[in-house]
């Protein structure tokens, strides 16, 4: 199992119109997917470090709509010091809830 997962995209492991079931490689644009007929594939049998390896996706789409990369966040004003550098996304909720005085 890899540590990063995409909710949707071309990495769906079910069979597509241009690749068999299993881990996918870049860069094809499938237009049709079949349901995954078996449990997840054992990724230790595949080279997940290959440049054309597509990260596993849970829902088949021709493109992903939500990636796993870091996204910049900025803040100004009171308590802006709470937003900095690389942060866990759950912390952002608490900072925003405090700024909006939710639950008070």
PDB file of N, CA and C in Angstrom:
ATOM      1  N   UNK A   1       0.858  -1.175   0.000  1.00  0.00           N
ATOM      2  CA  UNK A   1       0.000   0.000   0.000  1.00  0.00           C
ATOM      3  C   UNK A   1       0.899   1.231   0.000  1.00  0.00           C
ATOM      4  N   UNK A   2       0.569   2.191  -0.826  1.00  0.00           N
ATOM      5  CA  UNK A   2       1.322   3.442  -0.837  1.00  0.00           C
ATOM      6  C   UNK A   2       0.685   4.410   0.165  1.00  0.00           C
ATOM      7  N   UNK A   3       1.428   5.409   0.587  1.00  0.00           N
ATOM      8  CA  UNK A   3       0.925   6.314   1.622  1.00  0.00           C
ATOM      9  C   UNK A   3      -0.003   7.379   1.078  1.00  0.00           C
ATOM     10  N   UNK A   4       0.084   7.681  -0.198  1.00  0.00           N
ATOM     11  CA  UNK A   4      -0.752   8.713  -0.798  1.00  0.00           C
ATOM     12  C   UNK A   4      -1.825   8.056  -1.641  1.00  0.00           C
ATOM     13  N   UNK A   5      -3.040   8.505  -1.511  1.00  0.00           N
ATOM     14  CA  UNK A   5      -4.114   7.958  -2.321  1.00  0.00           C
ATOM     15  C   UNK A   5      -4.935   9.080  -2.920  1.00  0.00           C
ATOM     16  N   UNK A   6      -5.411   8.859  -4.109  1.00  0.00           N
ATOM     17  CA  UNK A   6      -6.294   9.819  -4.754  1.00  0.00           C
ATOM     18  C   UNK A   6      -7.715   9.290  -4.658  1.00  0.00           C
ATOM     19  N   UNK A   7      -8.650  10.157  -4.421  1.00  0.00           N
ATOM     20  CA  UNK A   7     -10.039   9.727  -4.342  1.00  0.00           C
ATOM     21  C   UNK A   7     -10.533   9.262  -5.702  1.00  0.00           C
ATOM     22  N   UNK A   8     -10.064   9.901  -6.755  1.00  0.00           N
ATOM     23  CA  UNK A   8     -10.531   9.549  -8.087  1.00  0.00           C
ATOM     24  C   UNK A   8      -9.447   9.809  -9.131  1.00  0.00           C
ATOM     25  N   UNK A   9      -9.655   9.289 -10.320  1.00  0.00           N
ATOM     26  CA  UNK A   9      -8.715   9.550 -11.401  1.00  0.00           C
ATOM     27  C   UNK A   9      -8.381   8.340 -12.240  1.00  0.00           C
ATOM     28  N   UNK A  10      -7.338   8.462 -13.042  1.00  0.00           N
ATOM     29  CA  UNK A  10      -6.925   7.422 -13.974  1.00  0.00           C
ATOM     30  C   UNK A  10      -6.278   6.228 -13.298  1.00  0.00           C
ATOM     31  N   UNK A  11      -5.924   6.345 -12.027  1.00  0.00           N
ATOM     32  CA  UNK A  11      -5.256   5.260 -11.326  1.00  0.00           C
ATOM     33  C   UNK A  11      -6.192   4.191 -10.787  1.00  0.00           C
ATOM     34  N   UNK A  12      -7.469   4.287 -11.098  1.00  0.00           N
ATOM     35  CA  UNK A  12      -8.430   3.266 -10.670  1.00  0.00           C
ATOM     36  C   UNK A  12      -7.964   1.906 -11.180  1.00  0.00           C
ATOM     37  N   UNK A  13      -7.951   0.888 -10.315  1.00  0.00           N
ATOM     38  CA  UNK A  13      -7.341  -0.384 -10.666  1.00  0.00           C
ATOM     39  C   UNK A  13      -8.249  -1.349 -11.432  1.00  0.00           C
ATOM     40  N   UNK A  14      -9.488  -1.003 -11.650  1.00  0.00           N
ATOM     41  CA  UNK A  14     -10.354  -1.840 -12.471  1.00  0.00           C
ATOM     42  C   UNK A  14      -9.935  -1.752 -13.937  1.00  0.00           C
ATOM     43  N   UNK A  15     -10.419  -2.662 -14.738  1.00  0.00           N
ATOM     44  CA  UNK A  15     -10.079  -2.676 -16.170  1.00  0.00           C
ATOM     45  C   UNK A  15     -10.659  -1.440 -16.861  1.00  0.00           C
ATOM     46  N   UNK A  16      -9.898  -0.864 -17.781  1.00  0.00           N
ATOM     47  CA  UNK A  16     -10.394   0.253 -18.583  1.00  0.00           C
ATOM     48  C   UNK A  16     -10.363  -0.169 -20.054  1.00  0.00           C
ATOM     49  N   UNK A  17     -10.854   0.705 -20.911  1.00  0.00           N
ATOM     50  CA  UNK A  17     -10.885   0.356 -22.321  1.00  0.00           C
ATOM     51  C   UNK A  17      -9.487   0.283 -22.941  1.00  0.00           C
ATOM     52  N   UNK A  18      -8.453   0.781 -22.245  1.00  0.00           N
ATOM     53  CA  UNK A  18      -7.111   0.715 -22.826  1.00  0.00           C
ATOM     54  C   UNK A  18      -6.039   0.133 -21.904  1.00  0.00           C
ATOM     55  N   UNK A  19      -6.414  -0.359 -20.719  1.00  0.00           N
ATOM     56  CA  UNK A  19      -5.457  -1.034 -19.842  1.00  0.00           C
ATOM     57  C   UNK A  19      -6.163  -2.144 -19.060  1.00  0.00           C
ATOM     58  N   UNK A  20      -5.472  -3.236 -18.796  1.00  0.00           N
ATOM     59  CA  UNK A  20      -6.085  -4.317 -18.011  1.00  0.00           C
ATOM     60  C   UNK A  20      -6.221  -3.924 -16.545  1.00  0.00           C
ATOM     61  N   UNK A  21      -6.940  -4.735 -15.794  1.00  0.00           N
ATOM     62  CA  UNK A  21      -7.085  -4.502 -14.359  1.00  0.00           C
ATOM     63  C   UNK A  21      -5.717  -4.548 -13.690  1.00  0.00           C
ATOM     64  N   UNK A  22      -5.557  -3.738 -12.664  1.00  0.00           N
ATOM     65  CA  UNK A  22      -4.290  -3.665 -11.941  1.00  0.00           C
ATOM     66  C   UNK A  22      -3.765  -2.249 -11.939  1.00  0.00           C
ATOM     67  N   UNK A  23      -2.600  -2.037 -11.332  1.00  0.00           N
ATOM     68  CA  UNK A  23      -2.007  -0.704 -11.318  1.00  0.00           C
ATOM     69  C   UNK A  23      -1.856  -0.151 -12.730  1.00  0.00           C
ATOM     70  N   UNK A  24      -2.055   1.133 -12.873  1.00  0.00           N
ATOM     71  CA  UNK A  24      -2.054   1.779 -14.190  1.00  0.00           C
ATOM     72  C   UNK A  24      -0.772   2.567 -14.423  1.00  0.00           C
ATOM     73  N   UNK A  25      -0.476   2.764 -15.702  1.00  0.00           N
ATOM     74  CA  UNK A  25       0.660   3.597 -16.080  1.00  0.00           C
ATOM     75  C   UNK A  25       0.153   4.795 -16.866  1.00  0.00           C
ATOM     76  N   UNK A  26       0.911   5.853 -16.826  1.00  0.00           N
ATOM     77  CA  UNK A  26       0.591   7.081 -17.527  1.00  0.00           C
ATOM     78  C   UNK A  26       0.909   6.908 -18.999  1.00  0.00           C
ATOM     79  N   UNK A  27       0.479   7.471 -19.873  1.00  0.00           N
ATOM     80  CA  UNK A  27      -0.439   8.583 -19.948  1.00  0.00           C
ATOM     81  C   UNK A  27      -1.509   8.250 -20.976  1.00  0.00           C
ATOM     82  N   UNK A  28      -2.455   7.497 -20.598  1.00  0.00           N
ATOM     83  CA  UNK A  28      -3.578   7.172 -21.456  1.00  0.00           C
ATOM     84  C   UNK A  28      -4.830   7.820 -20.892  1.00  0.00           C
ATOM     85  N   UNK A  29      -5.787   8.059 -21.731  1.00  0.00           N
ATOM     86  CA  UNK A  29      -7.027   8.681 -21.294  1.00  0.00           C
ATOM     87  C   UNK A  29      -8.172   7.696 -21.485  1.00  0.00           C
ATOM     88  N   UNK A  30      -8.465   6.877 -20.467  1.00  0.00           N
ATOM     89  CA  UNK A  30      -9.546   5.906 -20.600  1.00  0.00           C
ATOM     90  C   UNK A  30     -10.899   6.594 -20.717  1.00  0.00           C
ATOM     91  N   UNK A  31     -11.787   5.990 -21.461  1.00  0.00           N
ATOM     92  CA  UNK A  31     -13.136   6.538 -21.596  1.00  0.00           C
ATOM     93  C   UNK A  31     -14.176   5.607 -21.000  1.00  0.00           C
ATOM     94  N   UNK A  32     -13.761   4.398 -20.623  1.00  0.00           N
ATOM     95  CA  UNK A  32     -14.703   3.421 -20.067  1.00  0.00           C
ATOM     96  C   UNK A  32     -13.968   2.576 -19.034  1.00  0.00           C
ATOM     97  N   UNK A  33     -14.596   2.325 -17.897  1.00  0.00           N
ATOM     98  CA  UNK A  33     -14.021   1.519 -16.828  1.00  0.00           C
ATOM     99  C   UNK A  33     -14.958   0.377 -16.482  1.00  0.00           C
ATOM    100  N   UNK A  34     -14.392  -0.731 -16.030  1.00  0.00           N
ATOM    101  CA  UNK A  34     -15.175  -1.853 -15.508  1.00  0.00           C
ATOM    102  C   UNK A  34     -14.989  -1.896 -14.001  1.00  0.00           C
ATOM    103  N   UNK A  35     -15.975  -2.459 -13.322  1.00  0.00           N
ATOM    104  CA  UNK A  35     -15.881  -2.585 -11.862  1.00  0.00           C
ATOM    105  C   UNK A  35     -14.685  -3.449 -11.490  1.00  0.00           C
ATOM    106  N   UNK A  36     -14.093  -3.148 -10.370  1.00  0.00           N
ATOM    107  CA  UNK A  36     -12.968  -3.927  -9.866  1.00  0.00           C
ATOM    108  C   UNK A  36     -13.498  -5.276  -9.408  1.00  0.00           C
ATOM    109  N   UNK A  37     -13.034  -6.340 -10.035  1.00  0.00           N
ATOM    110  CA  UNK A  37     -13.582  -7.675  -9.786  1.00  0.00           C
ATOM    111  C   UNK A  37     -12.862  -8.433  -8.681  1.00  0.00           C
ATOM    112  N   UNK A  38     -11.865  -7.826  -8.085  1.00  0.00           N
ATOM    113  CA  UNK A  38     -11.104  -8.496  -7.032  1.00  0.00           C
ATOM    114  C   UNK A  38     -10.640  -7.463  -6.013  1.00  0.00           C
ATOM    115  N   UNK A  39     -10.121  -7.894  -4.873  1.00  0.00           N
ATOM    116  CA  UNK A  39      -9.607  -6.932  -3.893  1.00  0.00           C
ATOM    117  C   UNK A  39      -8.410  -6.156  -4.463  1.00  0.00           C
ATOM    118  N   UNK A  40      -7.920  -5.241  -3.699  1.00  0.00           N
ATOM    119  CA  UNK A  40      -6.774  -4.434  -4.139  1.00  0.00           C
ATOM    120  C   UNK A  40      -5.592  -5.313  -4.519  1.00  0.00           C
ATOM    121  N   UNK A  41      -4.822  -4.834  -5.478  1.00  0.00           N
ATOM    122  CA  UNK A  41      -3.640  -5.554  -5.932  1.00  0.00           C
ATOM    123  C   UNK A  41      -2.499  -5.370  -4.939  1.00  0.00           C
ATOM    124  N   UNK A  42      -1.624  -6.352  -4.870  1.00  0.00           N
ATOM    125  CA  UNK A  42      -0.439  -6.291  -4.018  1.00  0.00           C
ATOM    126  C   UNK A  42       0.596  -5.418  -4.723  1.00  0.00           C
ATOM    127  N   UNK A  43       0.771  -4.205  -4.258  1.00  0.00           N
ATOM    128  CA  UNK A  43       1.655  -3.253  -4.939  1.00  0.00           C
ATOM    129  C   UNK A  43       3.126  -3.597  -4.798  1.00  0.00           C
ATOM    130  N   UNK A  44       3.471  -4.524  -3.907  1.00  0.00           N
ATOM    131  CA  UNK A  44       4.880  -4.925  -3.816  1.00  0.00           C
ATOM    132  C   UNK A  44       5.310  -5.689  -5.071  1.00  0.00           C
ATOM    133  N   UNK A  45       4.346  -6.112  -5.877  1.00  0.00           N
ATOM    134  CA  UNK A  45       4.658  -6.815  -7.123  1.00  0.00           C
ATOM    135  C   UNK A  45       4.853  -5.854  -8.289  1.00  0.00           C
ATOM    136  N   UNK A  46       4.691  -4.545  -8.051  1.00  0.00           N
ATOM    137  CA  UNK A  46       4.785  -3.534  -9.108  1.00  0.00           C
ATOM    138  C   UNK A  46       5.792  -2.470  -8.716  1.00  0.00           C
ATOM    139  N   UNK A  47       6.375  -1.839  -9.705  1.00  0.00           N
ATOM    140  CA  UNK A  47       7.342  -0.766  -9.454  1.00  0.00           C
ATOM    141  C   UNK A  47       6.601   0.554  -9.282  1.00  0.00           C
ATOM    142  N   UNK A  48       6.269   0.890  -8.046  1.00  0.00           N
ATOM    143  CA  UNK A  48       5.531   2.123  -7.768  1.00  0.00           C
ATOM    144  C   UNK A  48       6.428   3.363  -7.839  1.00  0.00           C
ATOM    145  N   UNK A  49       7.731   3.165  -8.050  1.00  0.00           N
ATOM    146  CA  UNK A  49       8.647   4.307  -8.195  1.00  0.00           C
ATOM    147  C   UNK A  49       8.879   4.651  -9.661  1.00  0.00           C
ATOM    148  N   UNK A  50       8.308   3.880 -10.572  1.00  0.00           N
ATOM    149  CA  UNK A  50       8.487   4.150 -12.005  1.00  0.00           C
ATOM    150  C   UNK A  50       7.853   5.497 -12.350  1.00  0.00           C
ATOM    151  N   UNK A  51       8.503   6.275 -13.207  1.00  0.00           N
ATOM    152  CA  UNK A  51       7.983   7.600 -13.541  1.00  0.00           C
ATOM    153  C   UNK A  51       6.583   7.591 -14.159  1.00  0.00           C
ATOM    154  N   UNK A  52       6.198   6.481 -14.789  1.00  0.00           N
ATOM    155  CA  UNK A  52       4.873   6.442 -15.419  1.00  0.00           C
ATOM    156  C   UNK A  52       3.819   5.718 -14.576  1.00  0.00           C
ATOM    157  N   UNK A  53       4.167   5.349 -13.333  1.00  0.00           N
ATOM    158  CA  UNK A  53       3.197   4.707 -12.438  1.00  0.00           C
ATOM    159  C   UNK A  53       2.135   5.726 -12.026  1.00  0.00           C
ATOM    160  N   UNK A  54       0.869   5.354 -12.103  1.00  0.00           N
ATOM    161  CA  UNK A  54      -0.218   6.220 -11.658  1.00  0.00           C
ATOM    162  C   UNK A  54      -0.652   5.798 -10.265  1.00  0.00           C
ATOM    163  N   UNK A  55      -0.701   6.736  -9.366  1.00  0.00           N
ATOM    164  CA  UNK A  55      -1.126   6.464  -7.997  1.00  0.00           C
ATOM    165  C   UNK A  55      -2.535   5.904  -7.987  1.00  0.00           C
ATOM    166  N   UNK A  56      -2.784   4.944  -7.121  1.00  0.00           N
ATOM    167  CA  UNK A  56      -4.082   4.287  -7.032  1.00  0.00           C
ATOM    168  C   UNK A  56      -5.199   5.286  -6.750  1.00  0.00           C
ATOM    169  N   UNK A  57      -6.326   5.095  -7.417  1.00  0.00           N
ATOM    170  CA  UNK A  57      -7.501   5.937  -7.211  1.00  0.00           C
ATOM    171  C   UNK A  57      -8.696   5.053  -6.866  1.00  0.00           C
ATOM    172  N   UNK A  58      -9.588   5.555  -6.035  1.00  0.00           N
ATOM    173  CA  UNK A  58     -10.739   4.779  -5.598  1.00  0.00           C
ATOM    174  C   UNK A  58     -11.920   4.821  -6.544  1.00  0.00           C
ATOM    175  N   UNK A  59     -12.073   5.908  -7.275  1.00  0.00           N
ATOM    176  CA  UNK A  59     -13.211   6.087  -8.181  1.00  0.00           C
ATOM    177  C   UNK A  59     -12.672   6.402  -9.572  1.00  0.00           C
ATOM    178  N   UNK A  60     -13.129   5.675 -10.590  1.00  0.00           N
ATOM    179  CA  UNK A  60     -12.599   5.905 -11.930  1.00  0.00           C
ATOM    180  C   UNK A  60     -13.102   7.202 -12.565  1.00  0.00           C
ATOM    181  N   UNK A  61     -12.169   8.035 -12.996  1.00  0.00           N
ATOM    182  CA  UNK A  61     -12.458   9.237 -13.775  1.00  0.00           C
ATOM    183  C   UNK A  61     -11.324   9.423 -14.765  1.00  0.00           C
ATOM    184  N   UNK A  62     -11.585  10.148 -15.840  1.00  0.00           N
ATOM    185  CA  UNK A  62     -10.534  10.358 -16.830  1.00  0.00           C
ATOM    186  C   UNK A  62      -9.449  11.297 -16.305  1.00  0.00           C
ATOM    187  N   UNK A  63      -9.729  12.087 -15.291  1.00  0.00           N
ATOM    188  CA  UNK A  63      -8.740  12.944 -14.627  1.00  0.00           C
ATOM    189  C   UNK A  63      -9.080  13.015 -13.141  1.00  0.00           C
ATOM    190  N   UNK A  64      -8.041  13.249 -12.323  1.00  0.00           N
ATOM    191  CA  UNK A  64      -8.306  13.378 -10.895  1.00  0.00           C
ATOM    192  C   UNK A  64      -8.789  14.783 -10.591  1.00  0.00           C
ATOM    193  N   UNK A  65      -9.628  14.909  -9.578  1.00  0.00           N
ATOM    194  CA  UNK A  65     -10.151  16.218  -9.196  1.00  0.00           C
ATOM    195  C   UNK A  65      -9.667  16.640  -7.819  1.00  0.00           C
ATOM    196  N   UNK A  66      -8.973  15.732  -7.125  1.00  0.00           N
ATOM    197  CA  UNK A  66      -8.466  16.070  -5.796  1.00  0.00           C
ATOM    198  C   UNK A  66      -7.171  15.312  -5.583  1.00  0.00           C
ATOM    199  N   UNK A  67      -6.076  16.028  -5.638  1.00  0.00           N
ATOM    200  CA  UNK A  67      -4.770  15.398  -5.485  1.00  0.00           C
ATOM    201  C   UNK A  67      -4.317  15.340  -4.042  1.00  0.00           C
ATOM    202  N   UNK A  68      -3.127  14.832  -3.843  1.00  0.00           N
ATOM    203  CA  UNK A  68      -2.602  14.703  -2.501  1.00  0.00           C
ATOM    204  C   UNK A  68      -1.414  15.604  -2.237  1.00  0.00           C
ATOM    205  N   UNK A  69      -1.169  16.557  -3.123  1.00  0.00           N
ATOM    206  CA  UNK A  69      -0.006  17.410  -2.952  1.00  0.00           C
ATOM    207  C   UNK A  69      -0.264  18.516  -1.928  1.00  0.00           C
ATOM    208  N   UNK A  70       0.819  19.094  -1.428  1.00  0.00           N
ATOM    209  CA  UNK A  70       0.704  20.197  -0.481  1.00  0.00           C
ATOM    210  C   UNK A  70       0.129  21.414  -1.182  1.00  0.00           C
ATOM    211  N   UNK A  71      -0.671  22.177  -0.456  1.00  0.00           N
ATOM    212  CA  UNK A  71      -1.280  23.389  -0.973  1.00  0.00           C
ATOM    213  C   UNK A  71      -0.911  24.526  -0.030  1.00  0.00           C
ATOM    214  N   UNK A  72      -0.525  25.648  -0.605  1.00  0.00           N
ATOM    215  CA  UNK A  72      -0.130  26.803   0.213  1.00  0.00           C
ATOM    216  C   UNK A  72      -1.338  27.390   0.940  1.00  0.00           C
ATOM    217  N   UNK A  73      -1.099  27.852   2.155  1.00  0.00           N
ATOM    218  CA  UNK A  73      -2.133  28.558   2.921  1.00  0.00           C
ATOM    219  C   UNK A  73      -1.462  29.761   3.578  1.00  0.00           C
ATOM    220  N   UNK A  74      -2.147  30.888   3.546  1.00  0.00           N
ATOM    221  CA  UNK A  74      -1.594  32.132   4.073  1.00  0.00           C
ATOM    222  C   UNK A  74      -2.580  32.744   5.053  1.00  0.00           C
ATOM    223  N   UNK A  75      -2.063  33.525   5.987  1.00  0.00           N
ATOM    224  CA  UNK A  75      -2.921  34.201   6.954  1.00  0.00           C
ATOM    225  C   UNK A  75      -2.327  35.555   7.299  1.00  0.00           C
ATOM    226  N   UNK A  76      -3.204  36.484   7.635  1.00  0.00           N
ATOM    227  CA  UNK A  76      -2.791  37.810   8.075  1.00  0.00           C
ATOM    228  C   UNK A  76      -3.715  38.207   9.224  1.00  0.00           C
ATOM    229  N   UNK A  77      -3.197  38.982  10.148  1.00  0.00           N
ATOM    230  CA  UNK A  77      -4.020  39.472  11.241  1.00  0.00           C
ATOM    231  C   UNK A  77      -3.789  38.711  12.532  1.00  0.00           C
ATOM    232  N   UNK A  78      -4.750  38.873  13.433  1.00  0.00           N
ATOM    233  CA  UNK A  78      -4.670  38.248  14.748  1.00  0.00           C
ATOM    234  C   UNK A  78      -4.554  36.732  14.594  1.00  0.00           C
ATOM    235  N   UNK A  79      -3.641  36.142  15.311  1.00  0.00           N
ATOM    236  CA  UNK A  79      -3.381  34.696  15.307  1.00  0.00           C
ATOM    237  C   UNK A  79      -2.874  34.156  13.978  1.00  0.00           C
ATOM    238  N   UNK A  80      -2.390  35.028  13.099  1.00  0.00           N
ATOM    239  CA  UNK A  80      -1.823  34.563  11.830  1.00  0.00           C
ATOM    240  C   UNK A  80      -0.604  33.680  12.069  1.00  0.00           C
ATOM    241  N   UNK A  81       0.030  33.833  13.223  1.00  0.00           N
ATOM    242  CA  UNK A  81       1.199  33.009  13.541  1.00  0.00           C
ATOM    243  C   UNK A  81       0.844  31.525  13.661  1.00  0.00           C
ATOM    244  N   UNK A  82      -0.446  31.210  13.772  1.00  0.00           N
ATOM    245  CA  UNK A  82      -0.873  29.812  13.874  1.00  0.00           C
ATOM    246  C   UNK A  82      -0.812  29.078  12.526  1.00  0.00           C
ATOM    247  N   UNK A  83      -0.707  29.850  11.448  1.00  0.00           N
ATOM    248  CA  UNK A  83      -0.604  29.286  10.096  1.00  0.00           C
ATOM    249  C   UNK A  83       0.829  29.520   9.617  1.00  0.00           C
ATOM    250  N   UNK A  84       1.541  28.422   9.357  1.00  0.00           N
ATOM    251  CA  UNK A  84       2.935  28.561   8.914  1.00  0.00           C
ATOM    252  C   UNK A  84       3.442  27.256   8.335  1.00  0.00           C
ATOM    253  N   UNK A  85       4.328  27.340   7.365  1.00  0.00           N
ATOM    254  CA  UNK A  85       5.025  26.165   6.830  1.00  0.00           C
ATOM    255  C   UNK A  85       4.119  25.015   6.447  1.00  0.00           C
ATOM    256  N   UNK A  86       4.596  23.821   6.657  1.00  0.00           N
ATOM    257  CA  UNK A  86       3.840  22.607   6.350  1.00  0.00           C
ATOM    258  C   UNK A  86       3.020  22.229   7.572  1.00  0.00           C
ATOM    259  N   UNK A  87       1.715  22.067   7.374  1.00  0.00           N
ATOM    260  CA  UNK A  87       0.813  21.814   8.492  1.00  0.00           C
ATOM    261  C   UNK A  87      -0.116  20.650   8.179  1.00  0.00           C
ATOM    262  N   UNK A  88      -0.604  19.992   9.195  1.00  0.00           N
ATOM    263  CA  UNK A  88      -1.645  18.986   9.036  1.00  0.00           C
ATOM    264  C   UNK A  88      -2.953  19.716   8.723  1.00  0.00           C
ATOM    265  N   UNK A  89      -3.722  19.162   7.790  1.00  0.00           N
ATOM    266  CA  UNK A  89      -4.934  19.860   7.369  1.00  0.00           C
ATOM    267  C   UNK A  89      -5.975  19.982   8.481  1.00  0.00           C
ATOM    268  N   UNK A  90      -5.991  19.066   9.436  1.00  0.00           N
ATOM    269  CA  UNK A  90      -6.978  19.163  10.505  1.00  0.00           C
ATOM    270  C   UNK A  90      -6.728  20.386  11.388  1.00  0.00           C
ATOM    271  N   UNK A  91      -5.479  20.840  11.486  1.00  0.00           N
ATOM    272  CA  UNK A  91      -5.167  22.017  12.293  1.00  0.00           C
ATOM    273  C   UNK A  91      -5.821  23.259  11.695  1.00  0.00           C
ATOM    274  N   UNK A  92      -5.908  23.329  10.372  1.00  0.00           N
ATOM    275  CA  UNK A  92      -6.499  24.492   9.695  1.00  0.00           C
ATOM    276  C   UNK A  92      -7.955  24.664  10.139  1.00  0.00           C
ATOM    277  N   UNK A  93      -8.671  23.571  10.292  1.00  0.00           N
ATOM    278  CA  UNK A  93     -10.059  23.646  10.765  1.00  0.00           C
ATOM    279  C   UNK A  93     -10.128  24.354  12.112  1.00  0.00           C
ATOM    280  N   UNK A  94      -9.263  23.972  13.045  1.00  0.00           N
ATOM    281  CA  UNK A  94      -9.309  24.556  14.387  1.00  0.00           C
ATOM    282  C   UNK A  94      -8.953  26.044  14.376  1.00  0.00           C
ATOM    283  N   UNK A  95      -8.011  26.423  13.535  1.00  0.00           N
ATOM    284  CA  UNK A  95      -7.647  27.838  13.426  1.00  0.00           C
ATOM    285  C   UNK A  95      -8.826  28.624  12.857  1.00  0.00           C
ATOM    286  N   UNK A  96      -9.457  28.084  11.817  1.00  0.00           N
ATOM    287  CA  UNK A  96     -10.605  28.778  11.216  1.00  0.00           C
ATOM    288  C   UNK A  96     -11.785  28.828  12.193  1.00  0.00           C
ATOM    289  N   UNK A  97     -12.045  27.736  12.889  1.00  0.00           N
ATOM    290  CA  UNK A  97     -13.145  27.709  13.858  1.00  0.00           C
ATOM    291  C   UNK A  97     -12.919  28.745  14.952  1.00  0.00           C
ATOM    292  N   UNK A  98     -11.677  28.891  15.401  1.00  0.00           N
ATOM    293  CA  UNK A  98     -11.360  29.891  16.416  1.00  0.00           C
ATOM    294  C   UNK A  98     -11.564  31.298  15.859  1.00  0.00           C
ATOM    295  N   UNK A  99     -11.087  31.533  14.627  1.00  0.00           N
ATOM    296  CA  UNK A  99     -11.225  32.866  14.025  1.00  0.00           C
ATOM    297  C   UNK A  99     -12.688  33.232  13.824  1.00  0.00           C
ATOM    298  N   UNK A 100     -13.525  32.259  13.504  1.00  0.00           N
ATOM    299  CA  UNK A 100     -14.946  32.499  13.271  1.00  0.00           C
ATOM    300  C   UNK A 100     -15.770  32.418  14.564  1.00  0.00           C
ATOM    301  N   UNK A 101     -15.086  32.107  15.669  1.00  0.00           N
ATOM    302  CA  UNK A 101     -15.713  31.975  16.980  1.00  0.00           C
ATOM    303  C   UNK A 101     -16.838  30.926  16.974  1.00  0.00           C
ATOM    304  N   UNK A 102     -16.575  29.827  16.281  1.00  0.00           N
ATOM    305  CA  UNK A 102     -17.547  28.730  16.264  1.00  0.00           C
ATOM    306  C   UNK A 102     -17.497  27.989  17.590  1.00  0.00           C
ATOM    307  N   UNK A 103     -18.616  27.635  18.102  1.00  0.00           N
ATOM    308  CA  UNK A 103     -18.678  26.883  19.353  1.00  0.00           C
ATOM    309  C   UNK A 103     -18.470  27.732  20.593  1.00  0.00           C
ATOM    310  N   UNK A 104     -18.481  29.052  20.452  1.00  0.00           N
ATOM    311  CA  UNK A 104     -18.303  29.923  21.629  1.00  0.00           C
ATOM    312  C   UNK A 104     -19.548  30.707  21.913  1.00  0.00           C
TER     313      UNK A 104
END
